[in-house]
Amino acid sequence: MRAKRISDPFLWEKELDDSSIPKSPQTSKRLYGHHLSVYERHEIRDYPEVYFVGPHAAKHQATLDRPECNFGYDDERGDYNLVMQDHLGYRYEVLEELGRGSFGQVVKCFDHKTRSTVAIKLIRNKKRFHAQALTEVKILKKLVDWDPEDTHHNVRMTDYFYFRNHLCIACECLSINLYEFIKSHNFKGFTVNLIRRFTYQLLQSLNLLYDHGVVHCDLKPENILLKHPTKSTIKVIDFGSSCLESERVYTYIQSRFYRSPEIILGMNYNMAIDMWSLGCILAELYTGVPLFPGENEQEQLACIMEVMGVPDMYLIEQSARRKLFFDSHGNPRIIPNSRGKKRRPGHKTLSHAMRCHDTLFLDFVSRCLDWDPERRMTPAEALRHEWIYEYIAKHNKPPAPPAAPS
């Protein structure tokens, strides 16, 4: 049966432009066939709904007879070779690359189905990255189920799909991260009132994770984004390192400046590691610079001890890696860094290190930075801390929930 010919130029343009109405593969090939590569003319048959084909993109021509590097769609590392204005999954238009890391790339896309902008994480075409990304998808799906009203300040996944052997995770598109926000203020830090507003939202996120046994594992300023560049609403992103507390996989996690001592020392860990990271982030928001800026893990622990003192012996004895950092008597090994600087345990108070004299704020941060994870504040306890309670009372926020059962 011959395809129906569109004789009216206006109707032709309307059919081309109205991308929110899906087209069948057959109709898409009839309308856009001259824009498709040979590979795509076969591939498009697997997509019953076609929203966008990237008609103006300088497309890669796949080499069907040479399967190496994913027929030319990947580079040698397994990253997808992005083409601006091309499609992902015949629905999303690639607008710009937002970032990349060991996992793959993040790109800003226009969703031609919902007519909205999204951020899509393209996972590297390697087995080990794919396995961890499936855990991320599992957690992101649960976050939607656990927080249907979207009140807990975690990034919202909108879709996930496979495209040319890459797992793709689509999420809401947000604004700049808190590191960029600090940088835009010339690393001078922010007022306690603004930090408290951020903290309340972060505790909403962490409280939800805590209640469901999820460890974020990489909380840091780069993974906290403003929803809008001129407003103070934030969202926690990047659950790519996350795990359920009952299904811990990795022993060495967290970005160095925000890494808890139990991870450095090789101890068992739980959701308390995220509260340690929170304490580090709050101090950095106040001063504009990291509180514990170790150049390696040896100096990272030295930075912590310089402010928080030496951990109790019972904690050192639980540490699988204690010989790297302490002698047989539990005394720290004082090793100079690359600039010859030696950090002495207990040399600074937290007030001195942060150049802060707000007693309640300092108490809150110090209770996030307790050496013992069992004594560290939980998110529920933090929501009842006087420093946060003042904010809740002043802004008529929902009352703090009861402490989650241990």
Protein backbone atom coordinates (compact mmCIF):
# COMPACT_ATOMS: atom_id res chain seq x y z
CA MET A 1 0.00 0.00 0.00
CA ARG A 2 1.40 3.37 -1.05
CA ALA A 3 1.98 6.05 1.59
CA LYS A 4 -0.47 8.91 1.52
CA ARG A 5 1.08 11.96 -0.10
CA ILE A 6 0.78 15.32 1.65
CA SER A 7 0.12 17.90 -1.05
CA ASP A 8 -0.59 20.94 1.14
CA PRO A 9 2.77 22.57 2.15
CA PHE A 10 1.18 23.97 5.33
CA LEU A 11 0.07 20.51 6.47
CA TRP A 12 3.55 19.16 5.63
CA GLU A 13 5.23 21.78 7.85
CA LYS A 14 2.69 21.18 10.63
CA GLU A 15 3.40 17.45 10.60
CA LEU A 16 7.14 18.09 10.73
CA ASP A 17 6.93 20.61 13.56
CA ASP A 18 4.44 18.92 15.87
CA SER A 19 7.00 16.58 17.41
CA SER A 20 4.96 16.02 20.60
CA ILE A 21 2.66 13.75 18.55
CA PRO A 22 4.50 10.47 18.04
CA LYS A 23 4.90 9.05 14.56
CA SER A 24 5.28 5.47 13.50
CA PRO A 25 8.63 4.26 12.11
CA GLN A 26 7.03 3.99 8.66
CA THR A 27 5.70 7.56 8.72
CA SER A 28 9.01 8.85 10.08
CA LYS A 29 10.97 7.16 7.30
CA ARG A 30 8.59 8.64 4.73
CA LEU A 31 8.89 12.15 6.19
CA TYR A 32 12.52 12.16 7.28
CA GLY A 33 14.14 9.27 5.40
CA HIS A 34 16.59 11.56 3.62
CA HIS A 35 17.87 12.71 7.05
CA LEU A 36 18.49 9.19 8.37
CA SER A 37 21.73 7.24 8.11
CA VAL A 38 21.68 3.71 6.70
CA TYR A 39 22.01 2.35 10.25
CA GLU A 40 19.08 4.46 11.47
CA ARG A 41 16.76 3.26 8.70
CA HIS A 42 17.08 -0.21 10.21
CA GLU A 43 17.27 0.93 13.84
CA ILE A 44 14.13 3.09 13.72
CA ARG A 45 11.96 0.00 13.23
CA ASP A 46 12.53 -0.82 16.93
CA TYR A 47 10.95 2.49 18.02
CA PRO A 48 7.14 2.36 17.75
CA GLU A 49 6.93 6.04 18.77
CA VAL A 50 9.23 8.50 17.01
CA TYR A 51 9.34 12.11 18.21
CA PHE A 52 12.62 13.43 16.80
CA VAL A 53 15.25 12.20 14.35
CA GLY A 54 17.88 14.95 14.45
CA PRO A 55 17.33 16.23 10.91
CA HIS A 56 19.99 18.95 11.16
CA ALA A 57 22.70 16.90 12.90
CA ALA A 58 26.02 15.94 11.34
CA LYS A 59 25.38 12.26 12.03
CA HIS A 60 27.95 9.52 12.53
CA GLN A 61 27.75 6.96 9.77
CA ALA A 62 27.84 3.60 11.53
CA THR A 63 30.11 0.93 10.05
CA LEU A 64 27.92 -2.18 10.14
CA ASP A 65 30.72 -4.44 8.90
CA ARG A 66 33.10 -3.22 11.69
CA PRO A 67 31.54 -3.78 15.14
CA GLU A 68 34.52 -2.45 17.11
CA CYS A 69 33.82 0.63 19.22
CA ASN A 70 30.09 -0.09 18.99
CA PHE A 71 30.02 0.31 15.19
CA GLY A 72 31.73 3.68 15.55
CA TYR A 73 29.19 5.12 17.98
CA ASP A 74 31.61 4.89 20.95
CA ASP A 75 35.13 6.10 21.59
CA GLU A 76 37.86 3.78 22.85
CA ARG A 77 36.83 4.41 26.48
CA GLY A 78 33.27 3.28 25.83
CA ASP A 79 31.77 6.78 25.96
CA TYR A 80 29.09 7.59 23.41
CA ASN A 81 30.27 9.90 20.61
CA LEU A 82 27.88 12.79 21.12
CA VAL A 83 26.55 14.78 18.16
CA MET A 84 24.86 18.08 18.94
CA GLN A 85 21.28 18.39 17.60
CA ASP A 86 21.09 14.63 17.09
CA HIS A 87 18.58 12.41 18.86
CA LEU A 88 18.79 9.94 21.72
CA GLY A 89 16.16 7.24 21.42
CA TYR A 90 14.29 9.15 18.70
CA ARG A 91 12.85 11.41 21.39
CA TYR A 92 15.54 13.57 23.01
CA GLU A 93 17.49 16.29 21.18
CA VAL A 94 21.09 16.73 22.39
CA LEU A 95 21.67 20.41 23.25
CA GLU A 96 24.97 20.50 25.17
CA GLU A 97 27.30 18.45 27.31
CA LEU A 98 26.97 19.31 30.99
CA GLY A 99 29.81 17.18 32.33
CA ARG A 100 31.59 13.86 32.29
CA GLY A 101 33.19 11.47 34.72
CA SER A 102 34.32 7.89 35.14
CA PHE A 103 30.69 6.73 34.66
CA GLY A 104 30.17 8.47 31.29
CA GLN A 105 28.61 11.79 30.30
CA VAL A 106 25.72 14.06 31.30
CA VAL A 107 24.00 15.98 28.52
CA LYS A 108 21.27 18.58 28.42
CA CYS A 109 18.48 17.51 26.10
CA PHE A 110 15.11 18.71 24.89
CA ASP A 111 12.39 16.10 25.36
CA HIS A 112 10.21 16.34 22.26
CA LYS A 113 7.50 14.23 23.90
CA THR A 114 6.93 16.41 26.98
CA ARG A 115 8.32 19.63 25.45
CA SER A 116 10.66 20.10 28.42
CA THR A 117 14.40 20.20 29.12
CA VAL A 118 16.03 17.25 30.88
CA ALA A 119 19.49 16.10 31.91
CA ILE A 120 20.46 12.67 30.62
CA LYS A 121 23.24 10.56 32.07
CA LEU A 122 24.75 8.31 29.39
CA ILE A 123 26.50 5.40 31.08
CA ARG A 124 29.73 4.12 29.54
CA ASN A 125 29.36 0.99 27.45
CA LYS A 126 31.29 -1.14 29.96
CA LYS A 127 29.90 -3.95 32.11
CA ARG A 128 31.06 -2.66 35.52
CA PHE A 129 29.58 0.83 34.99
CA HIS A 130 26.36 -0.64 33.67
CA ALA A 131 25.91 -2.81 36.79
CA GLN A 132 26.27 0.16 39.17
CA ALA A 133 23.96 2.28 36.99
CA LEU A 134 21.23 -0.33 37.39
CA THR A 135 21.50 0.16 41.16
CA GLU A 136 21.18 3.92 40.60
CA VAL A 137 18.02 3.41 38.52
CA LYS A 138 16.61 1.12 41.21
CA ILE A 139 17.17 3.78 43.90
CA LEU A 140 15.86 6.64 41.75
CA LYS A 141 12.68 4.67 41.03
CA LYS A 142 12.21 4.04 44.75
CA LEU A 143 12.73 7.73 45.54
CA VAL A 144 9.74 8.56 43.34
CA ASP A 145 7.66 5.92 45.13
CA TRP A 146 8.78 7.07 48.59
CA ASP A 147 8.23 10.76 47.83
CA PRO A 148 5.30 11.05 45.40
CA GLU A 149 4.76 14.73 46.23
CA ASP A 150 8.45 15.58 45.57
CA THR A 151 9.00 17.31 48.92
CA HIS A 152 12.28 15.70 50.02
CA HIS A 153 14.70 17.52 47.71
CA ASN A 154 16.08 14.56 45.76
CA VAL A 155 16.52 14.71 42.00
CA ARG A 156 13.56 13.33 40.05
CA MET A 157 14.13 10.63 37.45
CA THR A 158 11.73 11.05 34.52
CA ASP A 159 12.76 8.16 32.27
CA TYR A 160 15.41 5.52 31.65
CA PHE A 161 16.08 3.59 28.46
CA TYR A 162 18.72 1.83 26.39
CA PHE A 163 20.12 3.43 23.27
CA ARG A 164 22.88 1.93 21.15
CA ASN A 165 24.11 -0.25 24.05
CA HIS A 166 24.13 2.65 26.54
CA LEU A 167 21.90 2.85 29.59
CA CYS A 168 20.48 6.39 29.67
CA ILE A 169 18.95 7.97 32.79
CA ALA A 170 16.82 11.09 32.26
CA CYS A 171 16.21 13.47 35.18
CA GLU A 172 14.80 16.94 35.70
CA CYS A 173 17.15 19.69 34.58
CA LEU A 174 18.45 21.88 37.41
CA SER A 175 20.69 24.94 37.79
CA ILE A 176 24.25 25.38 39.11
CA ASN A 177 25.75 23.24 41.87
CA LEU A 178 26.80 24.57 45.28
CA TYR A 179 30.51 24.54 44.39
CA GLU A 180 29.76 26.83 41.44
CA PHE A 181 27.56 28.91 43.75
CA ILE A 182 30.42 29.27 46.26
CA LYS A 183 32.79 30.14 43.41
CA SER A 184 30.39 32.80 42.08
CA HIS A 185 30.68 34.48 45.50
CA ASN A 186 34.49 34.47 45.27
CA PHE A 187 34.84 31.69 47.86
CA LYS A 188 33.81 34.07 50.66
CA GLY A 189 31.07 31.88 52.11
CA PHE A 190 27.48 32.63 52.99
CA THR A 191 25.39 33.77 55.94
CA VAL A 192 24.31 31.30 58.59
CA ASN A 193 20.67 32.00 57.68
CA LEU A 194 21.14 30.88 54.07
CA ILE A 195 23.18 27.86 55.19
CA ARG A 196 20.40 26.89 57.59
CA ARG A 197 17.87 27.06 54.75
CA PHE A 198 20.05 24.70 52.71
CA THR A 199 20.60 22.44 55.73
CA TYR A 200 16.89 21.99 56.39
CA GLN A 201 16.40 20.84 52.79
CA LEU A 202 19.41 18.50 52.92
CA LEU A 203 18.05 16.96 56.10
CA GLN A 204 14.74 16.33 54.34
CA SER A 205 16.67 14.39 51.71
CA LEU A 206 18.86 12.50 54.19
CA ASN A 207 15.93 11.70 56.48
CA LEU A 208 14.09 10.00 53.61
CA LEU A 209 17.23 8.05 52.65
CA TYR A 210 17.85 7.10 56.29
CA ASP A 211 14.30 5.84 56.77
CA HIS A 212 14.72 3.51 53.80
CA GLY A 213 18.29 2.38 54.44
CA VAL A 214 19.93 4.20 51.51
CA VAL A 215 23.50 5.52 51.72
CA HIS A 216 24.20 8.32 49.20
CA CYS A 217 27.99 7.74 49.43
CA ASP A 218 29.04 10.90 47.56
CA LEU A 219 27.44 13.92 49.19
CA LYS A 220 29.45 17.05 48.28
CA PRO A 221 28.78 20.60 46.98
CA GLU A 222 29.02 19.44 43.34
CA ASN A 223 26.15 17.00 43.95
CA ILE A 224 23.78 19.58 45.41
CA LEU A 225 22.12 21.76 42.78
CA LEU A 226 20.01 24.89 42.92
CA LYS A 227 16.63 24.46 41.22
CA HIS A 228 16.82 28.05 39.98
CA PRO A 229 19.91 30.31 39.82
CA THR A 230 18.32 33.09 41.90
CA LYS A 231 16.42 31.00 44.47
CA SER A 232 17.51 28.88 47.44
CA THR A 233 15.64 25.63 46.72
CA ILE A 234 18.08 22.76 46.23
CA LYS A 235 18.11 19.12 45.12
CA VAL A 236 20.52 16.28 45.87
CA ILE A 237 21.73 14.55 42.71
CA ASP A 238 24.02 11.72 41.57
CA PHE A 239 23.04 8.45 43.19
CA GLY A 240 25.62 6.70 41.03
CA SER A 241 27.67 5.60 44.05
CA SER A 242 24.67 4.95 46.30
CA CYS A 243 23.67 1.66 47.83
CA LEU A 244 21.21 0.14 50.23
CA GLU A 245 22.83 -0.22 53.63
CA SER A 246 22.02 -3.94 53.48
CA GLU A 247 23.73 -4.31 50.08
CA ARG A 248 27.03 -2.46 50.46
CA VAL A 249 29.39 -3.20 47.57
CA TYR A 250 32.35 -0.84 47.81
CA THR A 251 34.76 -0.29 50.69
CA TYR A 252 36.35 2.93 49.39
CA ILE A 253 33.83 5.62 48.55
CA GLN A 254 33.10 9.35 48.96
CA SER A 255 35.08 12.26 47.52
CA ARG A 256 38.20 12.91 49.59
CA PHE A 257 37.40 16.25 51.28
CA TYR A 258 34.01 14.87 52.41
CA ARG A 259 35.17 11.32 53.19
CA SER A 260 34.30 10.04 56.65
CA PRO A 261 37.07 8.69 58.91
CA GLU A 262 35.54 5.22 59.02
CA ILE A 263 35.97 4.93 55.24
CA ILE A 264 39.59 6.12 55.41
CA LEU A 265 40.36 3.74 58.30
CA GLY A 266 38.67 0.72 56.71
CA MET A 267 35.91 0.32 59.29
CA ASN A 268 32.38 -0.90 58.72
CA TYR A 269 30.19 1.95 57.51
CA ASN A 270 26.53 2.86 57.39
CA MET A 271 24.30 5.85 56.64
CA ALA A 272 26.27 7.95 59.17
CA ILE A 273 28.90 8.62 56.49
CA ASP A 274 26.47 11.00 54.78
CA MET A 275 26.06 13.01 57.98
CA TRP A 276 29.85 13.41 58.14
CA SER A 277 29.79 14.77 54.59
CA LEU A 278 26.98 17.14 55.58
CA GLY A 279 29.13 18.61 58.38
CA CYS A 280 32.00 19.18 55.95
CA ILE A 281 29.66 20.85 53.44
CA LEU A 282 28.16 23.23 56.01
CA ALA A 283 31.61 24.36 57.14
CA GLU A 284 32.59 24.98 53.52
CA LEU A 285 29.43 26.96 52.83
CA TYR A 286 30.35 29.20 55.77
CA THR A 287 34.06 29.71 55.03
CA GLY A 288 34.06 29.29 51.24
CA VAL A 289 36.81 26.66 51.34
CA PRO A 290 36.93 22.95 52.33
CA LEU A 291 37.30 22.28 56.06
CA PHE A 292 39.56 19.24 55.56
CA PRO A 293 41.53 19.82 52.32
CA GLY A 294 43.80 16.76 52.34
CA GLU A 295 45.95 16.25 49.25
CA ASN A 296 45.88 12.47 49.81
CA GLU A 297 44.23 10.10 52.29
CA GLN A 298 47.17 10.35 54.70
CA GLU A 299 46.84 14.12 54.92
CA GLN A 300 43.04 13.87 54.86
CA LEU A 301 43.07 12.05 58.19
CA ALA A 302 45.73 14.49 59.47
CA CYS A 303 43.44 17.41 58.54
CA ILE A 304 40.59 15.81 60.49
CA MET A 305 42.78 15.14 63.55
CA GLU A 306 44.16 18.68 63.44
CA VAL A 307 40.65 19.96 64.25
CA MET A 308 38.81 17.03 65.82
CA GLY A 309 41.70 15.52 67.80
CA VAL A 310 42.84 11.88 67.86
CA PRO A 311 40.09 9.23 67.78
CA ASP A 312 39.54 7.03 70.82
CA MET A 313 41.55 3.83 70.97
CA TYR A 314 38.46 1.62 70.61
CA LEU A 315 37.84 3.16 67.18
CA ILE A 316 41.47 2.73 66.11
CA GLU A 317 41.30 -0.93 67.13
CA GLN A 318 38.30 -1.45 64.81
CA SER A 319 40.24 -0.05 61.84
CA ALA A 320 41.53 -2.47 59.24
CA ARG A 321 43.97 0.16 57.90
CA ARG A 322 45.17 1.58 61.22
CA LYS A 323 48.86 0.73 60.62
CA LEU A 324 48.94 3.25 57.77
CA PHE A 325 48.02 6.08 60.12
CA PHE A 326 48.95 5.08 63.69
CA ASP A 327 51.83 3.33 65.45
CA SER A 328 51.32 0.30 67.72
CA HIS A 329 50.43 2.58 70.65
CA GLY A 330 47.70 4.42 68.73
CA ASN A 331 49.82 7.54 68.20
CA PRO A 332 49.31 9.29 64.83
CA ARG A 333 52.11 9.07 62.28
CA ILE A 334 52.96 12.74 61.57
CA ILE A 335 53.92 12.90 57.89
CA PRO A 336 54.57 16.19 56.04
CA ASN A 337 52.56 16.92 52.91
CA SER A 338 54.08 17.86 49.53
CA ARG A 339 54.74 21.41 50.78
CA GLY A 340 56.49 20.15 53.92
CA LYS A 341 53.59 21.16 56.19
CA LYS A 342 52.97 18.97 59.25
CA ARG A 343 49.51 18.94 60.80
CA ARG A 344 49.41 18.47 64.58
CA PRO A 345 46.40 16.71 66.15
CA GLY A 346 44.17 19.04 68.16
CA HIS A 347 46.09 22.11 66.97
CA LYS A 348 42.86 23.99 66.07
CA THR A 349 39.38 24.18 67.50
CA LEU A 350 36.42 23.92 65.14
CA SER A 351 35.64 27.57 65.92
CA HIS A 352 39.18 28.53 64.94
CA ALA A 353 39.15 26.41 61.77
CA MET A 354 35.81 27.88 60.64
CA ARG A 355 36.49 31.41 61.99
CA CYS A 356 33.01 31.25 63.51
CA HIS A 357 31.58 32.09 66.93
CA ASP A 358 27.94 31.04 66.41
CA THR A 359 27.61 28.54 69.26
CA LEU A 360 24.53 26.70 67.99
CA PHE A 361 25.86 26.42 64.44
CA LEU A 362 29.22 25.13 65.68
CA ASP A 363 27.49 22.60 67.91
CA PHE A 364 25.43 21.34 64.98
CA VAL A 365 28.51 20.93 62.75
CA SER A 366 30.53 19.27 65.53
CA ARG A 367 27.78 16.71 66.11
CA CYS A 368 27.91 15.82 62.41
CA LEU A 369 31.69 15.39 62.76
CA ASP A 370 31.78 12.97 65.68
CA TRP A 371 34.51 10.37 65.18
CA ASP A 372 32.15 7.62 66.33
CA PRO A 373 29.44 6.94 63.72
CA GLU A 374 27.20 5.57 66.48
CA ARG A 375 27.31 8.90 68.33
CA ARG A 376 27.00 11.05 65.21
CA MET A 377 23.65 12.80 64.76
CA THR A 378 21.07 11.09 62.60
CA PRO A 379 18.99 13.23 60.21
CA ALA A 380 15.97 12.93 62.52
CA GLU A 381 18.04 14.08 65.50
CA ALA A 382 19.48 16.92 63.42
CA LEU A 383 15.96 18.10 62.59
CA ARG A 384 15.34 18.41 66.33
CA HIS A 385 18.59 20.26 67.03
CA GLU A 386 17.99 23.75 68.38
CA TRP A 387 19.80 25.40 65.46
CA ILE A 388 17.37 23.82 62.98
CA TYR A 389 14.36 23.94 65.29
CA GLU A 390 14.64 27.75 65.33
CA TYR A 391 14.37 27.73 61.52
CA ILE A 392 11.39 25.33 61.56
CA ALA A 393 9.53 27.47 64.10
CA LYS A 394 10.29 30.76 62.33
CA HIS A 395 9.25 29.57 58.86
CA ASN A 396 6.29 27.40 59.86
CA LYS A 397 7.89 24.31 58.38
CA PRO A 398 6.42 20.88 59.08
CA PRO A 399 7.49 19.62 62.51
CA ALA A 400 10.43 17.26 62.68
CA PRO A 401 9.39 13.59 62.34
CA PRO A 402 10.02 11.14 65.17
CA ALA A 403 13.43 9.51 65.20
CA ALA A 404 13.64 6.54 62.82
CA PRO A 405 14.11 3.18 64.53
CA SER A 406 17.65 1.97 64.53
